[in-house]
Amino acid sequence: MIYIPFDENTRGIGGPSTFMINLKEHLLEIDYPFIDDSGNYKNADSIFFPISFSGKILDFFKKKNLPVIQRLDGVYYPSKHGLKYIYLNREIKKDYLEYSDFIIFQSRYSRTECFTMLGEIDKSKYKIIYNGTDKAVFYPADKKFDRNKIIFTATGSFRNRDMIEPVVWALDLLVERYNIEFRVIGPILSKEVKKYTNRPYIRCLGGMNKKEISRQLQETDILIHCQLNPACPNSVIEAVSCGVPVVGFDTGAMKEILYFCPELLAYVSEDVFQKYIDFKYKGLLEKIILCIENYQEFKIRFLESSYLYDFKKTYKEYIEVFEMLRARNDKMVK
């Protein structure tokens, strides 16, 4: 039975927390056996955790030669975190190189980030598994596009100015040409972000559950996702599932996820770890206008791609990794 420290990893805000909450719901729904924080990890035959975890507990599994499975999205890097990046990556790197028998990356970009910063590992020791959504919750609606009132939306946990500043600067210019509304869904976690939300066309709707987010997306014409070097953003995955065109920057895994519609991503740079200074809001504005002027073409592409990123496939692949590692370990023991 696998040990998964859910409580330890569902208290935060953001992608890893959302993933762990959804994973637990799914495992309970399909009655998959696991031990969580309420049980004794010493009764488990393997462990799965996101990012990094307690060295004491990982020591237990390592000394008994039991499989250790780590899920990684991104890492800390100097252009964003300064010299602190070495300290911030310390525990992640230790788990990655010393403890983990297998790594799950969220995207090819996530793998590239980790290989660049933490070191490369053999292809037999990792798998790329994209995030997914609950298709019973996130699905397209019959929304008609009306240029007389264009609804933009952004979802997420708004921690840094790269997630809002270029969007607002672009929409400040767009509002001169169109009647628009920009809905910001999710917690605003810094004063630096908050100061950009006082425009009359902006509605801050706060945190919502996934059904509420889906309803908002079904009323949305265009999702604008602005985030520096995202590994596999849930906001984009959810919009795709609802058939909502996504405009953003060509950063992180964005082009990888939106491979069917890369034209709506503004160029940034060729760097692995891109810098916020290269987020040009006028480039973003050009992509927003491109989407508006060719809306039906892009809408069809997103509707045709809405079947992608099904969480049932995502979690099936995770379970296959769990079972593979345990079977491999049982064979070695015998």
C-alpha atoms as a PDB file:
ATOM      1  CA  MET A   1       0.000   0.000   0.000  1.00  0.00           C
ATOM      2  CA  ILE A   2       1.382   3.406  -0.972  1.00  0.00           C
ATOM      3  CA  TYR A   3       1.885   6.242   1.499  1.00  0.00           C
ATOM      4  CA  ILE A   4       0.730   9.644   0.193  1.00  0.00           C
ATOM      5  CA  PRO A   5       1.070  12.602   2.617  1.00  0.00           C
ATOM      6  CA  PHE A   6      -2.059  14.443   1.522  1.00  0.00           C
ATOM      7  CA  ASP A   7      -2.578  16.634   4.586  1.00  0.00           C
ATOM      8  CA  GLU A   8       0.992  17.873   4.393  1.00  0.00           C
ATOM      9  CA  ASN A   9       0.488  18.907   0.764  1.00  0.00           C
ATOM     10  CA  THR A  10      -3.074  20.248   0.559  1.00  0.00           C
ATOM     11  CA  ARG A  11      -2.809  23.194   2.926  1.00  0.00           C
ATOM     12  CA  GLY A  12      -1.194  25.578   0.478  1.00  0.00           C
ATOM     13  CA  ILE A  13      -2.542  27.568  -2.437  1.00  0.00           C
ATOM     14  CA  GLY A  14      -1.596  26.824  -6.011  1.00  0.00           C
ATOM     15  CA  GLY A  15      -1.020  23.993  -8.445  1.00  0.00           C
ATOM     16  CA  PRO A  16       0.557  21.303  -6.201  1.00  0.00           C
ATOM     17  CA  SER A  17      -2.148  21.722  -3.570  1.00  0.00           C
ATOM     18  CA  THR A  18      -4.929  21.582  -6.165  1.00  0.00           C
ATOM     19  CA  PHE A  19      -3.419  18.471  -7.702  1.00  0.00           C
ATOM     20  CA  MET A  20      -3.161  16.643  -4.377  1.00  0.00           C
ATOM     21  CA  ILE A  21      -6.744  17.515  -3.414  1.00  0.00           C
ATOM     22  CA  ASN A  22      -8.035  16.210  -6.738  1.00  0.00           C
ATOM     23  CA  LEU A  23      -5.856  13.089  -6.562  1.00  0.00           C
ATOM     24  CA  LYS A  24      -7.200  12.185  -3.135  1.00  0.00           C
ATOM     25  CA  GLU A  25     -10.796  12.650  -4.312  1.00  0.00           C
ATOM     26  CA  HIS A  26     -10.158  10.362  -7.269  1.00  0.00           C
ATOM     27  CA  LEU A  27      -8.396   7.627  -5.297  1.00  0.00           C
ATOM     28  CA  LEU A  28     -11.242   7.587  -2.786  1.00  0.00           C
ATOM     29  CA  GLU A  29     -13.781   7.465  -5.602  1.00  0.00           C
ATOM     30  CA  ILE A  30     -12.171   4.416  -7.236  1.00  0.00           C
ATOM     31  CA  ASP A  31     -11.380   2.838  -3.852  1.00  0.00           C
ATOM     32  CA  TYR A  32      -7.632   2.708  -4.522  1.00  0.00           C
ATOM     33  CA  PRO A  33      -5.753   1.661  -1.352  1.00  0.00           C
ATOM     34  CA  PHE A  34      -3.412   4.204   0.188  1.00  0.00           C
ATOM     35  CA  ILE A  35      -2.168   5.375   3.578  1.00  0.00           C
ATOM     36  CA  ASP A  36      -2.442   9.078   4.312  1.00  0.00           C
ATOM     37  CA  ASP A  37      -1.266  11.210   7.236  1.00  0.00           C
ATOM     38  CA  SER A  38      -3.833   9.643   9.567  1.00  0.00           C
ATOM     39  CA  GLY A  39      -2.164   6.231   9.154  1.00  0.00           C
ATOM     40  CA  ASN A  40       1.310   4.866   9.852  1.00  0.00           C
ATOM     41  CA  TYR A  41       3.689   5.334   6.937  1.00  0.00           C
ATOM     42  CA  LYS A  42       5.741   2.405   8.255  1.00  0.00           C
ATOM     43  CA  ASN A  43       2.991   0.084   7.027  1.00  0.00           C
ATOM     44  CA  ALA A  44       3.416   1.288   3.422  1.00  0.00           C
ATOM     45  CA  ASP A  45       5.432  -0.374   0.672  1.00  0.00           C
ATOM     46  CA  SER A  46       6.140   2.858  -1.270  1.00  0.00           C
ATOM     47  CA  ILE A  47       5.762   6.651  -1.015  1.00  0.00           C
ATOM     48  CA  PHE A  48       4.575   9.358  -3.401  1.00  0.00           C
ATOM     49  CA  PHE A  49       4.988  13.079  -2.661  1.00  0.00           C
ATOM     50  CA  PRO A  50       5.120  16.404  -4.544  1.00  0.00           C
ATOM     51  CA  ILE A  51       8.174  18.674  -4.595  1.00  0.00           C
ATOM     52  CA  SER A  52      10.027  17.685  -1.366  1.00  0.00           C
ATOM     53  CA  PHE A  53       9.295  15.888   1.870  1.00  0.00           C
ATOM     54  CA  SER A  54      10.559  14.937   5.328  1.00  0.00           C
ATOM     55  CA  GLY A  55      14.077  13.512   5.183  1.00  0.00           C
ATOM     56  CA  LYS A  56      13.379  11.325   8.227  1.00  0.00           C
ATOM     57  CA  ILE A  57      10.458   9.595   6.516  1.00  0.00           C
ATOM     58  CA  LEU A  58      12.258   9.320   3.175  1.00  0.00           C
ATOM     59  CA  ASP A  59      15.173   7.732   5.033  1.00  0.00           C
ATOM     60  CA  PHE A  60      12.821   5.017   6.269  1.00  0.00           C
ATOM     61  CA  PHE A  61      11.750   4.086   2.733  1.00  0.00           C
ATOM     62  CA  LYS A  62      15.256   4.357   1.296  1.00  0.00           C
ATOM     63  CA  LYS A  63      16.839   2.124   3.949  1.00  0.00           C
ATOM     64  CA  LYS A  64      14.206  -0.529   3.295  1.00  0.00           C
ATOM     65  CA  ASN A  65      14.671  -0.205  -0.489  1.00  0.00           C
ATOM     66  CA  LEU A  66      11.024   0.747  -0.918  1.00  0.00           C
ATOM     67  CA  PRO A  67      10.078   2.877  -3.983  1.00  0.00           C
ATOM     68  CA  VAL A  68      10.214   6.663  -3.546  1.00  0.00           C
ATOM     69  CA  ILE A  69       8.235   8.604  -6.174  1.00  0.00           C
ATOM     70  CA  GLN A  70       8.551  12.383  -6.468  1.00  0.00           C
ATOM     71  CA  ARG A  71       6.359  14.759  -8.475  1.00  0.00           C
ATOM     72  CA  LEU A  72       8.075  17.914  -9.718  1.00  0.00           C
ATOM     73  CA  ASP A  73       6.729  20.964 -11.481  1.00  0.00           C
ATOM     74  CA  GLY A  74       9.327  23.721 -11.516  1.00  0.00           C
ATOM     75  CA  VAL A  75      12.339  24.863  -9.530  1.00  0.00           C
ATOM     76  CA  TYR A  76      13.683  28.108  -8.109  1.00  0.00           C
ATOM     77  CA  TYR A  77      16.035  30.073 -10.352  1.00  0.00           C
ATOM     78  CA  PRO A  78      18.270  33.159  -9.991  1.00  0.00           C
ATOM     79  CA  SER A  79      16.508  35.572 -12.354  1.00  0.00           C
ATOM     80  CA  LYS A  80      13.379  35.396 -10.161  1.00  0.00           C
ATOM     81  CA  HIS A  81      14.613  34.341  -6.728  1.00  0.00           C
ATOM     82  CA  GLY A  82      18.110  35.823  -6.633  1.00  0.00           C
ATOM     83  CA  LEU A  83      20.870  34.009  -4.761  1.00  0.00           C
ATOM     84  CA  LYS A  84      18.231  32.382  -2.545  1.00  0.00           C
ATOM     85  CA  TYR A  85      17.531  29.920  -5.359  1.00  0.00           C
ATOM     86  CA  ILE A  86      20.374  27.647  -4.177  1.00  0.00           C
ATOM     87  CA  TYR A  87      18.952  27.400  -0.663  1.00  0.00           C
ATOM     88  CA  LEU A  88      15.353  27.098  -1.921  1.00  0.00           C
ATOM     89  CA  ASN A  89      16.300  24.224  -4.239  1.00  0.00           C
ATOM     90  CA  ARG A  90      18.407  22.428  -1.619  1.00  0.00           C
ATOM     91  CA  GLU A  91      15.792  20.002  -0.261  1.00  0.00           C
ATOM     92  CA  ILE A  92      14.185  19.476  -3.677  1.00  0.00           C
ATOM     93  CA  LYS A  93      17.559  18.607  -5.189  1.00  0.00           C
ATOM     94  CA  LYS A  94      18.454  16.267  -2.340  1.00  0.00           C
ATOM     95  CA  ASP A  95      15.180  14.362  -2.712  1.00  0.00           C
ATOM     96  CA  TYR A  96      15.595  14.332  -6.506  1.00  0.00           C
ATOM     97  CA  LEU A  97      19.164  12.986  -6.560  1.00  0.00           C
ATOM     98  CA  GLU A  98      19.495  11.001  -3.330  1.00  0.00           C
ATOM     99  CA  TYR A  99      16.070   9.655  -2.394  1.00  0.00           C
ATOM    100  CA  SER A 100      13.796   9.381  -5.406  1.00  0.00           C
ATOM    101  CA  ASP A 101      13.638   6.210  -7.483  1.00  0.00           C
ATOM    102  CA  PHE A 102      11.241   7.760  -9.989  1.00  0.00           C
ATOM    103  CA  ILE A 103      10.237  11.292 -10.972  1.00  0.00           C
ATOM    104  CA  ILE A 104       6.968  12.461 -12.507  1.00  0.00           C
ATOM    105  CA  PHE A 105       7.288  15.718 -14.464  1.00  0.00           C
ATOM    106  CA  GLN A 106       4.204  17.739 -15.415  1.00  0.00           C
ATOM    107  CA  SER A 107       5.520  18.652 -18.861  1.00  0.00           C
ATOM    108  CA  ARG A 108       8.554  18.493 -21.122  1.00  0.00           C
ATOM    109  CA  TYR A 109       9.318  22.024 -20.002  1.00  0.00           C
ATOM    110  CA  SER A 110       9.236  20.903 -16.356  1.00  0.00           C
ATOM    111  CA  ARG A 111      11.768  18.197 -17.245  1.00  0.00           C
ATOM    112  CA  THR A 112      13.990  20.741 -19.003  1.00  0.00           C
ATOM    113  CA  GLU A 113      13.878  23.074 -16.000  1.00  0.00           C
ATOM    114  CA  CYS A 114      14.797  20.322 -13.580  1.00  0.00           C
ATOM    115  CA  PHE A 115      17.490  18.849 -15.820  1.00  0.00           C
ATOM    116  CA  THR A 116      19.040  22.303 -16.197  1.00  0.00           C
ATOM    117  CA  MET A 117      18.970  23.204 -12.515  1.00  0.00           C
ATOM    118  CA  LEU A 118      19.115  19.867 -10.681  1.00  0.00           C
ATOM    119  CA  GLY A 119      20.884  17.549 -13.124  1.00  0.00           C
ATOM    120  CA  GLU A 120      19.788  14.984 -15.692  1.00  0.00           C
ATOM    121  CA  ILE A 121      18.482  11.525 -14.860  1.00  0.00           C
ATOM    122  CA  ASP A 122      18.069   8.443 -17.048  1.00  0.00           C
ATOM    123  CA  LYS A 123      14.868   8.186 -19.064  1.00  0.00           C
ATOM    124  CA  SER A 124      14.009   4.953 -17.254  1.00  0.00           C
ATOM    125  CA  LYS A 125      13.633   6.949 -14.045  1.00  0.00           C
ATOM    126  CA  TYR A 126      10.980   9.451 -15.070  1.00  0.00           C
ATOM    127  CA  LYS A 127       7.710   9.979 -16.898  1.00  0.00           C
ATOM    128  CA  ILE A 128       5.910  13.093 -18.157  1.00  0.00           C
ATOM    129  CA  ILE A 129       2.253  13.199 -17.116  1.00  0.00           C
ATOM    130  CA  TYR A 130       0.180  16.286 -17.913  1.00  0.00           C
ATOM    131  CA  ASN A 131      -2.383  17.663 -15.501  1.00  0.00           C
ATOM    132  CA  GLY A 132      -6.032  16.996 -16.244  1.00  0.00           C
ATOM    133  CA  THR A 133      -9.502  18.236 -15.365  1.00  0.00           C
ATOM    134  CA  ASP A 134     -12.743  16.628 -14.315  1.00  0.00           C
ATOM    135  CA  LYS A 135     -14.650  16.536 -17.606  1.00  0.00           C
ATOM    136  CA  ALA A 136     -17.938  16.211 -15.714  1.00  0.00           C
ATOM    137  CA  VAL A 137     -17.266  19.709 -14.328  1.00  0.00           C
ATOM    138  CA  PHE A 138     -15.188  21.439 -17.003  1.00  0.00           C
ATOM    139  CA  TYR A 139     -16.889  21.217 -20.398  1.00  0.00           C
ATOM    140  CA  PRO A 140     -17.887  23.643 -23.186  1.00  0.00           C
ATOM    141  CA  ALA A 141     -21.091  25.671 -23.091  1.00  0.00           C
ATOM    142  CA  ASP A 142     -23.027  27.240 -25.938  1.00  0.00           C
ATOM    143  CA  LYS A 143     -21.725  30.786 -25.509  1.00  0.00           C
ATOM    144  CA  LYS A 144     -22.204  33.228 -28.378  1.00  0.00           C
ATOM    145  CA  PHE A 145     -19.433  35.714 -29.035  1.00  0.00           C
ATOM    146  CA  ASP A 146     -20.605  39.329 -28.952  1.00  0.00           C
ATOM    147  CA  ARG A 147     -18.097  42.067 -29.777  1.00  0.00           C
ATOM    148  CA  ASN A 148     -20.365  44.554 -28.033  1.00  0.00           C
ATOM    149  CA  LYS A 149     -19.359  42.994 -24.688  1.00  0.00           C
ATOM    150  CA  ILE A 150     -16.221  40.870 -24.539  1.00  0.00           C
ATOM    151  CA  ILE A 151     -15.619  38.951 -21.332  1.00  0.00           C
ATOM    152  CA  PHE A 152     -12.017  38.143 -20.391  1.00  0.00           C
ATOM    153  CA  THR A 153     -11.104  35.983 -17.416  1.00  0.00           C
ATOM    154  CA  ALA A 154      -7.980  35.060 -15.484  1.00  0.00           C
ATOM    155  CA  THR A 155      -7.940  32.338 -12.839  1.00  0.00           C
ATOM    156  CA  GLY A 156      -5.318  31.338 -10.305  1.00  0.00           C
ATOM    157  CA  SER A 157      -3.597  32.441  -7.136  1.00  0.00           C
ATOM    158  CA  PHE A 158      -2.310  35.911  -7.906  1.00  0.00           C
ATOM    159  CA  ARG A 159       1.009  36.099  -6.066  1.00  0.00           C
ATOM    160  CA  ASN A 160       3.297  38.111  -8.328  1.00  0.00           C
ATOM    161  CA  ARG A 161       2.909  41.088 -10.631  1.00  0.00           C
ATOM    162  CA  ASP A 162       3.860  39.013 -13.697  1.00  0.00           C
ATOM    163  CA  MET A 163       0.414  37.393 -13.322  1.00  0.00           C
ATOM    164  CA  ILE A 164      -1.573  40.622 -13.686  1.00  0.00           C
ATOM    165  CA  GLU A 165       0.474  43.704 -14.635  1.00  0.00           C
ATOM    166  CA  PRO A 166       0.982  43.027 -18.387  1.00  0.00           C
ATOM    167  CA  VAL A 167      -2.663  41.974 -18.723  1.00  0.00           C
ATOM    168  CA  VAL A 168      -3.978  45.183 -17.198  1.00  0.00           C
ATOM    169  CA  TRP A 169      -1.624  47.347 -19.247  1.00  0.00           C
ATOM    170  CA  ALA A 170      -2.805  45.601 -22.416  1.00  0.00           C
ATOM    171  CA  LEU A 171      -6.487  45.860 -21.488  1.00  0.00           C
ATOM    172  CA  ASP A 172      -6.070  49.535 -20.577  1.00  0.00           C
ATOM    173  CA  LEU A 173      -5.392  50.094 -24.274  1.00  0.00           C
ATOM    174  CA  LEU A 174      -8.019  47.639 -25.495  1.00  0.00           C
ATOM    175  CA  VAL A 175     -10.792  49.289 -23.481  1.00  0.00           C
ATOM    176  CA  GLU A 176     -10.454  52.310 -25.781  1.00  0.00           C
ATOM    177  CA  ARG A 177     -11.693  50.129 -28.671  1.00  0.00           C
ATOM    178  CA  TYR A 178     -14.080  47.610 -27.094  1.00  0.00           C
ATOM    179  CA  ASN A 179     -16.549  47.286 -24.264  1.00  0.00           C
ATOM    180  CA  ILE A 180     -14.830  44.710 -22.069  1.00  0.00           C
ATOM    181  CA  GLU A 181     -15.045  43.053 -18.683  1.00  0.00           C
ATOM    182  CA  PHE A 182     -12.092  41.353 -17.022  1.00  0.00           C
ATOM    183  CA  ARG A 183     -12.968  38.825 -14.333  1.00  0.00           C
ATOM    184  CA  VAL A 184     -10.194  37.925 -11.888  1.00  0.00           C
ATOM    185  CA  ILE A 185     -10.979  34.640 -10.140  1.00  0.00           C
ATOM    186  CA  GLY A 186      -8.873  33.478  -7.223  1.00  0.00           C
ATOM    187  CA  PRO A 187      -7.140  34.920  -4.180  1.00  0.00           C
ATOM    188  CA  ILE A 188      -5.049  38.066  -4.590  1.00  0.00           C
ATOM    189  CA  LEU A 189      -2.090  37.418  -2.329  1.00  0.00           C
ATOM    190  CA  SER A 190      -0.035  40.608  -2.524  1.00  0.00           C
ATOM    191  CA  LYS A 191      -0.506  44.359  -2.400  1.00  0.00           C
ATOM    192  CA  GLU A 192       1.639  44.579  -5.527  1.00  0.00           C
ATOM    193  CA  VAL A 193      -1.046  42.683  -7.447  1.00  0.00           C
ATOM    194  CA  LYS A 194      -3.986  44.366  -5.719  1.00  0.00           C
ATOM    195  CA  LYS A 195      -3.023  47.843  -6.939  1.00  0.00           C
ATOM    196  CA  TYR A 196      -3.696  46.791 -10.550  1.00  0.00           C
ATOM    197  CA  THR A 197      -7.294  45.731  -9.926  1.00  0.00           C
ATOM    198  CA  ASN A 198      -8.991  49.099  -9.433  1.00  0.00           C
ATOM    199  CA  ARG A 199      -9.962  49.647 -13.076  1.00  0.00           C
ATOM    200  CA  PRO A 200     -13.715  49.997 -13.727  1.00  0.00           C
ATOM    201  CA  TYR A 201     -13.657  47.120 -16.237  1.00  0.00           C
ATOM    202  CA  ILE A 202     -12.173  44.687 -13.674  1.00  0.00           C
ATOM    203  CA  ARG A 203     -14.264  42.456 -11.384  1.00  0.00           C
ATOM    204  CA  CYS A 204     -12.399  40.614  -8.626  1.00  0.00           C
ATOM    205  CA  LEU A 205     -14.528  37.589  -7.774  1.00  0.00           C
ATOM    206  CA  GLY A 206     -12.298  35.957  -5.168  1.00  0.00           C
ATOM    207  CA  GLY A 207     -11.756  32.256  -4.612  1.00  0.00           C
ATOM    208  CA  MET A 208     -14.210  29.736  -6.054  1.00  0.00           C
ATOM    209  CA  ASN A 209     -14.653  25.978  -6.093  1.00  0.00           C
ATOM    210  CA  LYS A 210     -14.171  24.115  -9.353  1.00  0.00           C
ATOM    211  CA  LYS A 211     -17.869  24.083 -10.277  1.00  0.00           C
ATOM    212  CA  GLU A 212     -18.059  27.844  -9.823  1.00  0.00           C
ATOM    213  CA  ILE A 213     -14.881  28.329 -11.862  1.00  0.00           C
ATOM    214  CA  SER A 214     -16.330  26.187 -14.635  1.00  0.00           C
ATOM    215  CA  ARG A 215     -19.518  28.286 -14.740  1.00  0.00           C
ATOM    216  CA  GLN A 216     -17.439  31.439 -15.040  1.00  0.00           C
ATOM    217  CA  LEU A 217     -15.330  29.934 -17.831  1.00  0.00           C
ATOM    218  CA  GLN A 218     -18.477  28.942 -19.705  1.00  0.00           C
ATOM    219  CA  GLU A 219     -19.467  32.626 -19.680  1.00  0.00           C
ATOM    220  CA  THR A 220     -15.982  33.687 -20.801  1.00  0.00           C
ATOM    221  CA  ASP A 221     -14.930  34.652 -24.315  1.00  0.00           C
ATOM    222  CA  ILE A 222     -11.151  34.644 -23.797  1.00  0.00           C
ATOM    223  CA  LEU A 223      -8.948  33.454 -20.935  1.00  0.00           C
ATOM    224  CA  ILE A 224      -5.758  35.451 -20.469  1.00  0.00           C
ATOM    225  CA  HIS A 225      -3.055  33.499 -18.689  1.00  0.00           C
ATOM    226  CA  CYS A 226       0.012  35.436 -17.651  1.00  0.00           C
ATOM    227  CA  GLN A 227       2.632  33.642 -15.572  1.00  0.00           C
ATOM    228  CA  LEU A 228       6.389  33.396 -15.806  1.00  0.00           C
ATOM    229  CA  ASN A 229       7.699  29.923 -16.695  1.00  0.00           C
ATOM    230  CA  PRO A 230       4.627  27.832 -15.759  1.00  0.00           C
ATOM    231  CA  ALA A 231       5.158  24.060 -15.627  1.00  0.00           C
ATOM    232  CA  CYS A 232       1.604  22.979 -16.535  1.00  0.00           C
ATOM    233  CA  PRO A 233      -0.931  25.593 -15.420  1.00  0.00           C
ATOM    234  CA  ASN A 234      -4.301  24.269 -14.255  1.00  0.00           C
ATOM    235  CA  SER A 235      -5.952  27.519 -15.353  1.00  0.00           C
ATOM    236  CA  VAL A 236      -5.062  26.820 -18.973  1.00  0.00           C
ATOM    237  CA  ILE A 237      -6.028  23.143 -18.757  1.00  0.00           C
ATOM    238  CA  GLU A 238      -9.447  24.119 -17.362  1.00  0.00           C
ATOM    239  CA  ALA A 239     -10.020  26.722 -20.088  1.00  0.00           C
ATOM    240  CA  VAL A 240      -9.109  24.216 -22.805  1.00  0.00           C
ATOM    241  CA  SER A 241     -11.612  21.753 -21.324  1.00  0.00           C
ATOM    242  CA  CYS A 242     -14.299  24.441 -21.530  1.00  0.00           C
ATOM    243  CA  GLY A 243     -13.385  25.263 -25.137  1.00  0.00           C
ATOM    244  CA  VAL A 244     -12.323  28.803 -24.211  1.00  0.00           C
ATOM    245  CA  PRO A 245      -9.563  30.397 -26.336  1.00  0.00           C
ATOM    246  CA  VAL A 246      -6.427  31.157 -24.320  1.00  0.00           C
ATOM    247  CA  VAL A 247      -4.144  34.121 -24.939  1.00  0.00           C
ATOM    248  CA  GLY A 248      -0.828  34.500 -23.131  1.00  0.00           C
ATOM    249  CA  PHE A 249       2.933  34.548 -23.448  1.00  0.00           C
ATOM    250  CA  ASP A 250       5.065  31.824 -25.015  1.00  0.00           C
ATOM    251  CA  THR A 251       6.664  30.900 -21.705  1.00  0.00           C
ATOM    252  CA  GLY A 252       7.167  27.688 -19.797  1.00  0.00           C
ATOM    253  CA  ALA A 253       4.904  24.882 -21.016  1.00  0.00           C
ATOM    254  CA  MET A 254       2.338  27.179 -22.648  1.00  0.00           C
ATOM    255  CA  LYS A 255       3.147  26.288 -26.269  1.00  0.00           C
ATOM    256  CA  GLU A 256       3.488  22.648 -25.299  1.00  0.00           C
ATOM    257  CA  ILE A 257      -0.022  22.582 -23.821  1.00  0.00           C
ATOM    258  CA  LEU A 258      -1.521  24.805 -26.519  1.00  0.00           C
ATOM    259  CA  TYR A 259       0.259  23.030 -29.382  1.00  0.00           C
ATOM    260  CA  PHE A 260      -2.954  23.215 -31.422  1.00  0.00           C
ATOM    261  CA  CYS A 261      -3.064  27.028 -31.269  1.00  0.00           C
ATOM    262  CA  PRO A 262       0.404  28.572 -30.717  1.00  0.00           C
ATOM    263  CA  GLU A 263      -0.517  31.724 -32.649  1.00  0.00           C
ATOM    264  CA  LEU A 264      -2.160  33.226 -29.555  1.00  0.00           C
ATOM    265  CA  LEU A 265       1.084  33.255 -27.538  1.00  0.00           C
ATOM    266  CA  ALA A 266       3.280  36.355 -27.546  1.00  0.00           C
ATOM    267  CA  TYR A 267       7.010  35.809 -28.019  1.00  0.00           C
ATOM    268  CA  VAL A 268       9.238  36.152 -24.951  1.00  0.00           C
ATOM    269  CA  SER A 269      12.741  34.696 -25.471  1.00  0.00           C
ATOM    270  CA  GLU A 270      14.609  31.455 -26.117  1.00  0.00           C
ATOM    271  CA  ASP A 271      15.808  31.135 -22.503  1.00  0.00           C
ATOM    272  CA  VAL A 272      14.880  28.135 -20.370  1.00  0.00           C
ATOM    273  CA  PHE A 273      14.350  30.443 -17.398  1.00  0.00           C
ATOM    274  CA  GLN A 274      12.741  33.475 -18.951  1.00  0.00           C
ATOM    275  CA  LYS A 275      12.722  36.884 -17.302  1.00  0.00           C
ATOM    276  CA  TYR A 276       9.766  39.094 -16.540  1.00  0.00           C
ATOM    277  CA  ILE A 277      11.464  42.033 -18.253  1.00  0.00           C
ATOM    278  CA  ASP A 278      10.830  40.195 -21.547  1.00  0.00           C
ATOM    279  CA  PHE A 279       7.045  40.141 -21.040  1.00  0.00           C
ATOM    280  CA  LYS A 280       5.986  42.876 -23.474  1.00  0.00           C
ATOM    281  CA  TYR A 281       2.395  43.914 -22.868  1.00  0.00           C
ATOM    282  CA  LYS A 282       2.015  45.320 -26.390  1.00  0.00           C
ATOM    283  CA  GLY A 283       2.874  41.880 -27.745  1.00  0.00           C
ATOM    284  CA  LEU A 284       0.157  40.449 -25.512  1.00  0.00           C
ATOM    285  CA  LEU A 285      -2.266  43.094 -26.769  1.00  0.00           C
ATOM    286  CA  GLU A 286      -1.532  42.078 -30.371  1.00  0.00           C
ATOM    287  CA  LYS A 287      -2.462  38.477 -29.557  1.00  0.00           C
ATOM    288  CA  ILE A 288      -5.674  39.560 -27.810  1.00  0.00           C
ATOM    289  CA  ILE A 289      -6.687  41.580 -30.874  1.00  0.00           C
ATOM    290  CA  LEU A 290      -5.747  38.672 -33.160  1.00  0.00           C
ATOM    291  CA  CYS A 291      -8.066  36.438 -31.146  1.00  0.00           C
ATOM    292  CA  ILE A 292     -10.926  38.946 -31.262  1.00  0.00           C
ATOM    293  CA  GLU A 293     -10.604  39.549 -34.997  1.00  0.00           C
ATOM    294  CA  ASN A 294     -10.475  35.812 -35.815  1.00  0.00           C
ATOM    295  CA  TYR A 295     -12.575  34.611 -32.936  1.00  0.00           C
ATOM    296  CA  GLN A 296     -14.659  31.906 -34.615  1.00  0.00           C
ATOM    297  CA  GLU A 297     -11.583  30.237 -36.117  1.00  0.00           C
ATOM    298  CA  PHE A 298      -9.838  30.051 -32.748  1.00  0.00           C
ATOM    299  CA  LYS A 299     -13.008  29.079 -30.900  1.00  0.00           C
ATOM    300  CA  ILE A 300     -13.459  26.064 -33.182  1.00  0.00           C
ATOM    301  CA  ARG A 301      -9.895  24.957 -32.545  1.00  0.00           C
ATOM    302  CA  PHE A 302     -10.377  25.087 -28.790  1.00  0.00           C
ATOM    303  CA  LEU A 303     -13.739  23.335 -28.943  1.00  0.00           C
ATOM    304  CA  GLU A 304     -12.180  20.570 -31.046  1.00  0.00           C
ATOM    305  CA  SER A 305      -9.403  20.243 -28.449  1.00  0.00           C
ATOM    306  CA  SER A 306     -11.634  20.315 -25.364  1.00  0.00           C
ATOM    307  CA  TYR A 307     -11.360  16.520 -25.001  1.00  0.00           C
ATOM    308  CA  LEU A 308      -7.661  16.858 -24.119  1.00  0.00           C
ATOM    309  CA  TYR A 309      -6.299  16.718 -20.569  1.00  0.00           C
ATOM    310  CA  ASP A 310      -8.826  14.381 -18.962  1.00  0.00           C
ATOM    311  CA  PHE A 311      -7.997  13.840 -15.289  1.00  0.00           C
ATOM    312  CA  LYS A 312      -9.082  10.183 -15.541  1.00  0.00           C
ATOM    313  CA  LYS A 313      -6.222   9.601 -17.974  1.00  0.00           C
ATOM    314  CA  THR A 314      -3.869  11.645 -15.767  1.00  0.00           C
ATOM    315  CA  TYR A 315      -4.589   9.663 -12.625  1.00  0.00           C
ATOM    316  CA  LYS A 316      -4.611   6.351 -14.507  1.00  0.00           C
ATOM    317  CA  GLU A 317      -1.043   7.119 -15.550  1.00  0.00           C
ATOM    318  CA  TYR A 318      -0.065   7.972 -11.962  1.00  0.00           C
ATOM    319  CA  ILE A 319      -1.502   4.694 -10.708  1.00  0.00           C
ATOM    320  CA  GLU A 320       0.346   2.831 -13.454  1.00  0.00           C
ATOM    321  CA  VAL A 321       3.590   4.370 -12.171  1.00  0.00           C
ATOM    322  CA  PHE A 322       2.745   3.383  -8.582  1.00  0.00           C
ATOM    323  CA  GLU A 323       2.029  -0.193  -9.647  1.00  0.00           C
ATOM    324  CA  MET A 324       5.078  -0.414 -11.931  1.00  0.00           C
ATOM    325  CA  LEU A 325       7.464   0.678  -9.170  1.00  0.00           C
ATOM    326  CA  ARG A 326       5.964  -1.676  -6.627  1.00  0.00           C
ATOM    327  CA  ALA A 327       6.021  -4.599  -9.084  1.00  0.00           C
ATOM    328  CA  ARG A 328       9.636  -3.818  -9.968  1.00  0.00           C
ATOM    329  CA  ASN A 329      10.518  -3.725  -6.284  1.00  0.00           C
ATOM    330  CA  ASP A 330       8.733  -7.023  -5.562  1.00  0.00           C
ATOM    331  CA  LYS A 331      10.682  -8.659  -8.391  1.00  0.00           C
ATOM    332  CA  MET A 332      13.990  -7.381  -7.001  1.00  0.00           C
ATOM    333  CA  VAL A 333      13.147  -8.648  -3.509  1.00  0.00           C
ATOM    334  CA  LYS A 334      12.360 -12.110  -4.856  1.00  0.00           C
END
